[in-house]
Amino acid sequence: MSGPIMTAAPRGTALPRTVRAAVALQTLALFFQAGTAGALLTSPTGALLHDVGSRVMYAASMLYVLAAIVAWRPGGGSPRPILYASGLLVLASAQVALGVAHRPEFHVPLGVVMVVLSTLDLVRVLATGPGRAR
């Protein structure tokens, strides 16, 4: 009997689902933050939503770093996602500090940069699906 031949992707070419999920969660949290930033200016509940969202976004950034490390070392993947995740975590730390210091002239543009970078990273990890070498 002949059937379709299944070949496995070479080890380390596909990003694990955990890395893709972590980047997706981070990107979703950043878009939520962008939405609540507008609500922050118009309603008192907007401030609460933006505060809670900032904690979720920061936790998502830390989760992304952890997922990238786990995918790299024990999983045999590329160390490159650790660089991306760490860079976004550093930006998230700066973003939190600027928000706490009430410096919107830096907080808002950095937020835009983070949304763009995280979206580009999400596109990258989704394009590096199973069986695709990058």
C-alpha atoms as a PDB file:
ATOM      1  CA  MET A   1       0.000   0.000   0.000  1.00  0.00           C
ATOM      2  CA  SER A   2       1.226   3.413  -0.784  1.00  0.00           C
ATOM      3  CA  GLY A   3       0.091   6.469   1.041  1.00  0.00           C
ATOM      4  CA  PRO A   4       1.179  10.032   1.560  1.00  0.00           C
ATOM      5  CA  ILE A   5       4.700  10.388   2.772  1.00  0.00           C
ATOM      6  CA  MET A   6       4.908  12.391   5.968  1.00  0.00           C
ATOM      7  CA  THR A   7       8.126  14.168   6.745  1.00  0.00           C
ATOM      8  CA  ALA A   8       8.846  15.877  10.001  1.00  0.00           C
ATOM      9  CA  ALA A   9      10.233  19.367  10.077  1.00  0.00           C
ATOM     10  CA  PRO A  10      13.900  19.537  11.036  1.00  0.00           C
ATOM     11  CA  ARG A  11      14.384  20.090  14.753  1.00  0.00           C
ATOM     12  CA  GLY A  12      14.296  23.736  15.763  1.00  0.00           C
ATOM     13  CA  THR A  13      12.698  25.104  12.589  1.00  0.00           C
ATOM     14  CA  ALA A  14       9.161  25.511  13.869  1.00  0.00           C
ATOM     15  CA  LEU A  15       8.328  27.625  16.880  1.00  0.00           C
ATOM     16  CA  PRO A  16       6.366  25.861  19.601  1.00  0.00           C
ATOM     17  CA  ARG A  17       2.753  26.773  20.187  1.00  0.00           C
ATOM     18  CA  THR A  18       3.665  28.260  23.553  1.00  0.00           C
ATOM     19  CA  VAL A  19       5.871  30.895  21.923  1.00  0.00           C
ATOM     20  CA  ARG A  20       3.194  31.750  19.372  1.00  0.00           C
ATOM     21  CA  ALA A  21       0.546  31.923  22.112  1.00  0.00           C
ATOM     22  CA  ALA A  22       2.756  34.146  24.288  1.00  0.00           C
ATOM     23  CA  VAL A  23       3.388  36.593  21.433  1.00  0.00           C
ATOM     24  CA  ALA A  24      -0.329  36.607  20.571  1.00  0.00           C
ATOM     25  CA  LEU A  25      -1.264  37.305  24.207  1.00  0.00           C
ATOM     26  CA  GLN A  26       1.280  40.113  24.425  1.00  0.00           C
ATOM     27  CA  THR A  27       0.042  41.690  21.185  1.00  0.00           C
ATOM     28  CA  LEU A  28      -3.581  41.400  22.274  1.00  0.00           C
ATOM     29  CA  ALA A  29      -2.745  42.998  25.629  1.00  0.00           C
ATOM     30  CA  LEU A  30      -0.964  45.872  23.868  1.00  0.00           C
ATOM     31  CA  PHE A  31      -3.970  46.505  21.616  1.00  0.00           C
ATOM     32  CA  PHE A  32      -6.180  46.453  24.721  1.00  0.00           C
ATOM     33  CA  GLN A  33      -3.869  49.036  26.294  1.00  0.00           C
ATOM     34  CA  ALA A  34      -4.179  51.257  23.237  1.00  0.00           C
ATOM     35  CA  GLY A  35      -7.961  51.093  23.523  1.00  0.00           C
ATOM     36  CA  THR A  36      -8.023  51.797  27.232  1.00  0.00           C
ATOM     37  CA  ALA A  37      -5.637  54.717  26.784  1.00  0.00           C
ATOM     38  CA  GLY A  38      -8.435  56.548  25.021  1.00  0.00           C
ATOM     39  CA  ALA A  39     -10.910  55.531  27.712  1.00  0.00           C
ATOM     40  CA  LEU A  40      -8.438  56.761  30.326  1.00  0.00           C
ATOM     41  CA  LEU A  41      -8.934  60.288  29.039  1.00  0.00           C
ATOM     42  CA  THR A  42     -12.726  60.168  29.076  1.00  0.00           C
ATOM     43  CA  SER A  43     -13.905  58.055  32.008  1.00  0.00           C
ATOM     44  CA  PRO A  44     -12.828  57.091  35.519  1.00  0.00           C
ATOM     45  CA  THR A  45     -13.221  53.365  34.743  1.00  0.00           C
ATOM     46  CA  GLY A  46     -10.766  53.824  31.879  1.00  0.00           C
ATOM     47  CA  ALA A  47      -8.000  54.415  34.410  1.00  0.00           C
ATOM     48  CA  LEU A  48      -8.786  51.153  36.175  1.00  0.00           C
ATOM     49  CA  LEU A  49      -8.923  49.215  32.908  1.00  0.00           C
ATOM     50  CA  HIS A  50      -5.627  50.729  31.765  1.00  0.00           C
ATOM     51  CA  ASP A  51      -4.000  49.861  35.102  1.00  0.00           C
ATOM     52  CA  VAL A  52      -5.209  46.254  35.028  1.00  0.00           C
ATOM     53  CA  GLY A  53      -4.240  45.975  31.354  1.00  0.00           C
ATOM     54  CA  SER A  54      -0.722  47.183  32.116  1.00  0.00           C
ATOM     55  CA  ARG A  55      -0.262  44.352  34.603  1.00  0.00           C
ATOM     56  CA  VAL A  56      -1.551  41.803  32.101  1.00  0.00           C
ATOM     57  CA  MET A  57       0.694  43.216  29.370  1.00  0.00           C
ATOM     58  CA  TYR A  58       3.761  43.065  31.629  1.00  0.00           C
ATOM     59  CA  ALA A  59       2.939  39.501  32.688  1.00  0.00           C
ATOM     60  CA  ALA A  60       2.482  38.547  29.023  1.00  0.00           C
ATOM     61  CA  SER A  61       5.906  40.023  28.240  1.00  0.00           C
ATOM     62  CA  MET A  62       7.495  37.969  31.018  1.00  0.00           C
ATOM     63  CA  LEU A  63       5.642  34.862  29.812  1.00  0.00           C
ATOM     64  CA  TYR A  64       7.011  35.433  26.306  1.00  0.00           C
ATOM     65  CA  VAL A  65      10.580  35.546  27.656  1.00  0.00           C
ATOM     66  CA  LEU A  66      10.000  32.343  29.611  1.00  0.00           C
ATOM     67  CA  ALA A  67       8.416  30.561  26.624  1.00  0.00           C
ATOM     68  CA  ALA A  68      11.287  31.636  24.370  1.00  0.00           C
ATOM     69  CA  ILE A  69      13.864  30.322  26.842  1.00  0.00           C
ATOM     70  CA  VAL A  70      12.051  27.008  27.233  1.00  0.00           C
ATOM     71  CA  ALA A  71      11.726  26.640  23.455  1.00  0.00           C
ATOM     72  CA  TRP A  72      15.400  27.398  22.987  1.00  0.00           C
ATOM     73  CA  ARG A  73      17.316  25.410  25.569  1.00  0.00           C
ATOM     74  CA  PRO A  74      15.472  22.181  26.271  1.00  0.00           C
ATOM     75  CA  GLY A  75      13.536  22.303  23.005  1.00  0.00           C
ATOM     76  CA  GLY A  76      16.563  22.891  20.781  1.00  0.00           C
ATOM     77  CA  GLY A  77      15.055  25.915  19.050  1.00  0.00           C
ATOM     78  CA  SER A  78      16.667  29.131  17.925  1.00  0.00           C
ATOM     79  CA  PRO A  79      17.803  31.639  20.576  1.00  0.00           C
ATOM     80  CA  ARG A  80      16.565  34.534  18.413  1.00  0.00           C
ATOM     81  CA  PRO A  81      13.059  34.735  19.999  1.00  0.00           C
ATOM     82  CA  ILE A  82      14.765  35.321  23.373  1.00  0.00           C
ATOM     83  CA  LEU A  83      16.297  38.485  21.932  1.00  0.00           C
ATOM     84  CA  TYR A  84      12.925  39.719  20.670  1.00  0.00           C
ATOM     85  CA  ALA A  85      11.155  38.804  23.910  1.00  0.00           C
ATOM     86  CA  SER A  86      13.818  40.431  26.077  1.00  0.00           C
ATOM     87  CA  GLY A  87      13.737  43.602  23.997  1.00  0.00           C
ATOM     88  CA  LEU A  88       9.978  43.867  24.369  1.00  0.00           C
ATOM     89  CA  LEU A  89      10.268  43.216  28.113  1.00  0.00           C
ATOM     90  CA  VAL A  90      12.783  46.067  28.421  1.00  0.00           C
ATOM     91  CA  LEU A  91      10.417  48.342  26.484  1.00  0.00           C
ATOM     92  CA  ALA A  92       7.521  47.204  28.710  1.00  0.00           C
ATOM     93  CA  SER A  93       9.577  48.076  31.801  1.00  0.00           C
ATOM     94  CA  ALA A  94      10.302  51.528  30.412  1.00  0.00           C
ATOM     95  CA  GLN A  95       6.631  51.901  29.500  1.00  0.00           C
ATOM     96  CA  VAL A  96       5.512  51.094  33.042  1.00  0.00           C
ATOM     97  CA  ALA A  97       8.062  53.501  34.531  1.00  0.00           C
ATOM     98  CA  LEU A  98       6.969  56.293  32.194  1.00  0.00           C
ATOM     99  CA  GLY A  99       3.301  55.644  32.955  1.00  0.00           C
ATOM    100  CA  VAL A 100       3.871  55.722  36.712  1.00  0.00           C
ATOM    101  CA  ALA A 101       5.890  58.929  36.312  1.00  0.00           C
ATOM    102  CA  HIS A 102       2.998  60.479  34.325  1.00  0.00           C
ATOM    103  CA  ARG A 103       5.163  61.255  31.278  1.00  0.00           C
ATOM    104  CA  PRO A 104       2.654  60.880  28.408  1.00  0.00           C
ATOM    105  CA  GLU A 105       4.987  62.658  25.974  1.00  0.00           C
ATOM    106  CA  PHE A 106       7.206  59.537  26.110  1.00  0.00           C
ATOM    107  CA  HIS A 107       4.669  56.930  27.295  1.00  0.00           C
ATOM    108  CA  VAL A 108       2.316  57.278  24.316  1.00  0.00           C
ATOM    109  CA  PRO A 109       4.909  57.140  21.488  1.00  0.00           C
ATOM    110  CA  LEU A 110       6.657  54.208  23.172  1.00  0.00           C
ATOM    111  CA  GLY A 111       3.300  52.440  23.394  1.00  0.00           C
ATOM    112  CA  VAL A 112       2.807  52.898  19.650  1.00  0.00           C
ATOM    113  CA  VAL A 113       6.288  51.509  18.995  1.00  0.00           C
ATOM    114  CA  MET A 114       5.535  48.501  21.202  1.00  0.00           C
ATOM    115  CA  VAL A 115       2.251  47.761  19.406  1.00  0.00           C
ATOM    116  CA  VAL A 116       4.021  47.873  16.037  1.00  0.00           C
ATOM    117  CA  LEU A 117       6.969  45.723  17.174  1.00  0.00           C
ATOM    118  CA  SER A 118       4.765  43.144  18.856  1.00  0.00           C
ATOM    119  CA  THR A 119       2.490  42.947  15.806  1.00  0.00           C
ATOM    120  CA  LEU A 120       5.499  42.442  13.532  1.00  0.00           C
ATOM    121  CA  ASP A 121       6.802  39.767  15.883  1.00  0.00           C
ATOM    122  CA  LEU A 122       3.394  38.053  15.880  1.00  0.00           C
ATOM    123  CA  VAL A 123       3.392  38.013  12.074  1.00  0.00           C
ATOM    124  CA  ARG A 124       6.907  36.540  12.162  1.00  0.00           C
ATOM    125  CA  VAL A 125       6.047  33.712  14.551  1.00  0.00           C
ATOM    126  CA  LEU A 126       2.816  32.872  12.724  1.00  0.00           C
ATOM    127  CA  ALA A 127       4.728  32.722   9.432  1.00  0.00           C
ATOM    128  CA  THR A 128       7.227  30.354  11.063  1.00  0.00           C
ATOM    129  CA  GLY A 129       4.644  27.639  11.363  1.00  0.00           C
ATOM    130  CA  PRO A 130       5.171  23.878  11.468  1.00  0.00           C
ATOM    131  CA  GLY A 131       7.374  22.685   8.644  1.00  0.00           C
ATOM    132  CA  ARG A 132       8.654  26.106   7.642  1.00  0.00           C
ATOM    133  CA  ALA A 133      12.307  26.864   8.157  1.00  0.00           C
ATOM    134  CA  ARG A 134      13.350  30.453   8.880  1.00  0.00           C
END
